[in-house]
Amino acid sequence: MTSRERWTVYPLLLLAIGLAMRSAPSPELSAEVLSAAQVRCREIVLETDEGTILIHMGKVVDGGGGRIEIKDAEGVEAVAIGTRPGDRDGRVEFFDAEGGLRSTLEAADGDG
C-alpha cells in the first residue's frame, strides 16, 4: 500500500469506527426474570400489559428530588412518597378515588 493510499484509507477507517461507536441506540432488554447485585437507572416504571402505570419511581417533575408514586388498577394515584417541586421536605401523601390529595404525613418540625 502506498503512502497516498494510507492517507486515504486510514482516516476513513477511523471515521467509520467512530461513527459506529458514537450514538448507537441502547438495546431494549426483555426478560422474565432479571437478577442483579445493583441496578442504577434514572427512572423505574411498572405497568400492566395494557400500559396502565401502577408504580412510578423517579425524579419529581419540575424540579425537586425523588418520588415514588403508587397507583390503583385504573392508573389513578393512590399513595406517593417523596418530595414536591421546590420543597425539600419528604412526605407521604394519600389520595382519594379521583386522585385528589386526601391527607399528608410529614415529619414533625425539629424546632421545638
C-alpha atoms as a PDB file:
ATOM      1  CA  MET A   1       0.000   0.000   0.000  1.00  0.00           C
ATOM      2  CA  THR A   2       1.428   3.342  -0.963  1.00  0.00           C
ATOM      3  CA  SER A   3       1.666   6.344   1.321  1.00  0.00           C
ATOM      4  CA  ARG A   4      -1.076   8.084  -0.651  1.00  0.00           C
ATOM      5  CA  GLU A   5      -3.419   5.105  -0.208  1.00  0.00           C
ATOM      6  CA  ARG A   6      -2.717   5.040   3.545  1.00  0.00           C
ATOM      7  CA  TRP A   7      -3.617   8.738   3.823  1.00  0.00           C
ATOM      8  CA  THR A   8      -6.974   7.895   2.248  1.00  0.00           C
ATOM      9  CA  VAL A   9      -7.856   4.548   3.817  1.00  0.00           C
ATOM     10  CA  TYR A  10      -6.834   5.011   7.474  1.00  0.00           C
ATOM     11  CA  PRO A  11      -8.744   8.264   8.109  1.00  0.00           C
ATOM     12  CA  LEU A  12     -11.846   6.729   6.528  1.00  0.00           C
ATOM     13  CA  LEU A  13     -11.423   3.614   8.663  1.00  0.00           C
ATOM     14  CA  LEU A  14     -11.149   5.690  11.862  1.00  0.00           C
ATOM     15  CA  LEU A  15     -14.168   7.773  10.814  1.00  0.00           C
ATOM     16  CA  ALA A  16     -16.252   4.625  10.249  1.00  0.00           C
ATOM     17  CA  ILE A  17     -15.262   3.173  13.629  1.00  0.00           C
ATOM     18  CA  GLY A  18     -16.001   6.473  15.371  1.00  0.00           C
ATOM     19  CA  LEU A  19     -19.422   6.789  13.749  1.00  0.00           C
ATOM     20  CA  ALA A  20     -20.275   3.202  14.668  1.00  0.00           C
ATOM     21  CA  MET A  21     -19.423   3.807  18.339  1.00  0.00           C
ATOM     22  CA  ARG A  22     -20.816   7.349  18.591  1.00  0.00           C
ATOM     23  CA  SER A  23     -24.532   7.136  19.182  1.00  0.00           C
ATOM     24  CA  ALA A  24     -25.682   3.589  18.853  1.00  0.00           C
ATOM     25  CA  PRO A  25     -29.144   3.275  20.395  1.00  0.00           C
ATOM     26  CA  SER A  26     -29.114   1.225  23.563  1.00  0.00           C
ATOM     27  CA  PRO A  27     -30.852  -2.116  23.089  1.00  0.00           C
ATOM     28  CA  GLU A  28     -34.078  -2.736  24.957  1.00  0.00           C
ATOM     29  CA  LEU A  29     -33.789  -5.568  27.457  1.00  0.00           C
ATOM     30  CA  SER A  30     -36.647  -8.029  27.677  1.00  0.00           C
ATOM     31  CA  ALA A  31     -36.614 -10.824  30.253  1.00  0.00           C
ATOM     32  CA  GLU A  32     -38.998 -12.687  32.524  1.00  0.00           C
ATOM     33  CA  VAL A  33     -36.596 -12.513  35.487  1.00  0.00           C
ATOM     34  CA  LEU A  34     -33.710 -10.123  35.978  1.00  0.00           C
ATOM     35  CA  SER A  35     -31.245 -10.673  38.798  1.00  0.00           C
ATOM     36  CA  ALA A  36     -28.534  -8.150  39.673  1.00  0.00           C
ATOM     37  CA  ALA A  37     -26.487  -7.099  42.675  1.00  0.00           C
ATOM     38  CA  GLN A  38     -27.115  -3.431  41.905  1.00  0.00           C
ATOM     39  CA  VAL A  39     -29.371  -1.587  39.472  1.00  0.00           C
ATOM     40  CA  ARG A  40     -28.614   2.024  38.612  1.00  0.00           C
ATOM     41  CA  CYS A  41     -31.092   3.949  36.485  1.00  0.00           C
ATOM     42  CA  ARG A  42     -32.879   7.297  36.201  1.00  0.00           C
ATOM     43  CA  GLU A  43     -36.436   6.035  36.378  1.00  0.00           C
ATOM     44  CA  ILE A  44     -38.471   2.871  37.037  1.00  0.00           C
ATOM     45  CA  VAL A  45     -41.985   2.413  35.673  1.00  0.00           C
ATOM     46  CA  LEU A  46     -44.123  -0.648  36.416  1.00  0.00           C
ATOM     47  CA  GLU A  47     -47.109  -1.027  34.125  1.00  0.00           C
ATOM     48  CA  THR A  48     -49.770  -3.554  33.244  1.00  0.00           C
ATOM     49  CA  ASP A  49     -49.911  -5.381  29.920  1.00  0.00           C
ATOM     50  CA  GLU A  50     -52.425  -2.753  28.780  1.00  0.00           C
ATOM     51  CA  GLY A  51     -49.985   0.097  29.553  1.00  0.00           C
ATOM     52  CA  THR A  52     -51.576   1.406  32.773  1.00  0.00           C
ATOM     53  CA  ILE A  53     -48.827   2.741  35.054  1.00  0.00           C
ATOM     54  CA  LEU A  54     -49.046   1.172  38.521  1.00  0.00           C
ATOM     55  CA  ILE A  55     -45.796   2.386  40.116  1.00  0.00           C
ATOM     56  CA  HIS A  56     -43.547   5.221  39.021  1.00  0.00           C
ATOM     57  CA  MET A  57     -40.216   5.914  40.703  1.00  0.00           C
ATOM     58  CA  GLY A  58     -38.116   8.797  39.501  1.00  0.00           C
ATOM     59  CA  LYS A  59     -37.359  12.480  39.678  1.00  0.00           C
ATOM     60  CA  VAL A  60     -40.136  14.897  40.539  1.00  0.00           C
ATOM     61  CA  VAL A  61     -41.443  16.778  37.517  1.00  0.00           C
ATOM     62  CA  ASP A  62     -40.494  20.488  37.525  1.00  0.00           C
ATOM     63  CA  GLY A  63     -37.559  20.042  39.894  1.00  0.00           C
ATOM     64  CA  GLY A  64     -37.410  18.572  43.347  1.00  0.00           C
ATOM     65  CA  GLY A  65     -35.975  15.275  44.465  1.00  0.00           C
ATOM     66  CA  GLY A  66     -37.069  11.670  44.108  1.00  0.00           C
ATOM     67  CA  ARG A  67     -40.614  10.385  44.347  1.00  0.00           C
ATOM     68  CA  ILE A  68     -42.397   7.026  44.333  1.00  0.00           C
ATOM     69  CA  GLU A  69     -45.987   7.103  43.081  1.00  0.00           C
ATOM     70  CA  ILE A  70     -48.213   4.067  43.611  1.00  0.00           C
ATOM     71  CA  LYS A  71     -51.399   3.979  41.543  1.00  0.00           C
ATOM     72  CA  ASP A  72     -54.547   1.851  41.535  1.00  0.00           C
ATOM     73  CA  ALA A  73     -55.613  -0.526  38.739  1.00  0.00           C
ATOM     74  CA  GLU A  74     -57.007   2.386  36.692  1.00  0.00           C
ATOM     75  CA  GLY A  75     -53.767   4.362  36.956  1.00  0.00           C
ATOM     76  CA  VAL A  76     -55.106   6.905  39.491  1.00  0.00           C
ATOM     77  CA  GLU A  77     -52.568   7.979  42.101  1.00  0.00           C
ATOM     78  CA  ALA A  78     -53.227   6.314  45.500  1.00  0.00           C
ATOM     79  CA  VAL A  79     -50.050   6.896  47.562  1.00  0.00           C
ATOM     80  CA  ALA A  80     -46.930   8.971  46.931  1.00  0.00           C
ATOM     81  CA  ILE A  81     -43.678   9.030  48.887  1.00  0.00           C
ATOM     82  CA  GLY A  82     -41.068  11.713  48.325  1.00  0.00           C
ATOM     83  CA  THR A  83     -40.880  15.440  47.771  1.00  0.00           C
ATOM     84  CA  ARG A  84     -42.833  18.088  45.891  1.00  0.00           C
ATOM     85  CA  PRO A  85     -41.311  20.521  43.355  1.00  0.00           C
ATOM     86  CA  GLY A  86     -39.459  23.308  45.117  1.00  0.00           C
ATOM     87  CA  ASP A  87     -39.785  21.593  48.508  1.00  0.00           C
ATOM     88  CA  ARG A  88     -37.041  19.654  50.243  1.00  0.00           C
ATOM     89  CA  ASP A  89     -39.167  18.065  52.991  1.00  0.00           C
ATOM     90  CA  GLY A  90     -40.083  14.410  52.489  1.00  0.00           C
ATOM     91  CA  ARG A  91     -43.665  13.284  52.977  1.00  0.00           C
ATOM     92  CA  VAL A  92     -46.189  10.519  52.373  1.00  0.00           C
ATOM     93  CA  GLU A  93     -49.312  11.618  50.519  1.00  0.00           C
ATOM     94  CA  PHE A  94     -52.613   9.735  50.367  1.00  0.00           C
ATOM     95  CA  PHE A  95     -55.110  10.318  47.549  1.00  0.00           C
ATOM     96  CA  ASP A  96     -58.864   9.702  47.201  1.00  0.00           C
ATOM     97  CA  ALA A  97     -60.539   7.629  44.459  1.00  0.00           C
ATOM     98  CA  GLU A  98     -60.398  10.539  41.995  1.00  0.00           C
ATOM     99  CA  GLY A  99     -56.687  11.194  42.614  1.00  0.00           C
ATOM    100  CA  GLY A 100     -57.229  14.287  44.764  1.00  0.00           C
ATOM    101  CA  LEU A 101     -54.918  14.779  47.754  1.00  0.00           C
ATOM    102  CA  ARG A 102     -56.684  13.461  50.851  1.00  0.00           C
ATOM    103  CA  SER A 103     -54.054  13.661  53.610  1.00  0.00           C
ATOM    104  CA  THR A 104     -50.338  14.077  54.140  1.00  0.00           C
ATOM    105  CA  LEU A 105     -47.932  12.526  56.629  1.00  0.00           C
ATOM    106  CA  GLU A 106     -44.936  14.788  57.232  1.00  0.00           C
ATOM    107  CA  ALA A 107     -42.052  14.780  59.660  1.00  0.00           C
ATOM    108  CA  ALA A 108     -42.517  16.931  62.763  1.00  0.00           C
ATOM    109  CA  ASP A 109     -40.750  20.278  62.716  1.00  0.00           C
ATOM    110  CA  GLY A 110     -37.486  19.941  64.663  1.00  0.00           C
ATOM    111  CA  ASP A 111     -37.700  23.452  66.190  1.00  0.00           C
ATOM    112  CA  GLY A 112     -39.309  22.516  69.384  1.00  0.00           C
END
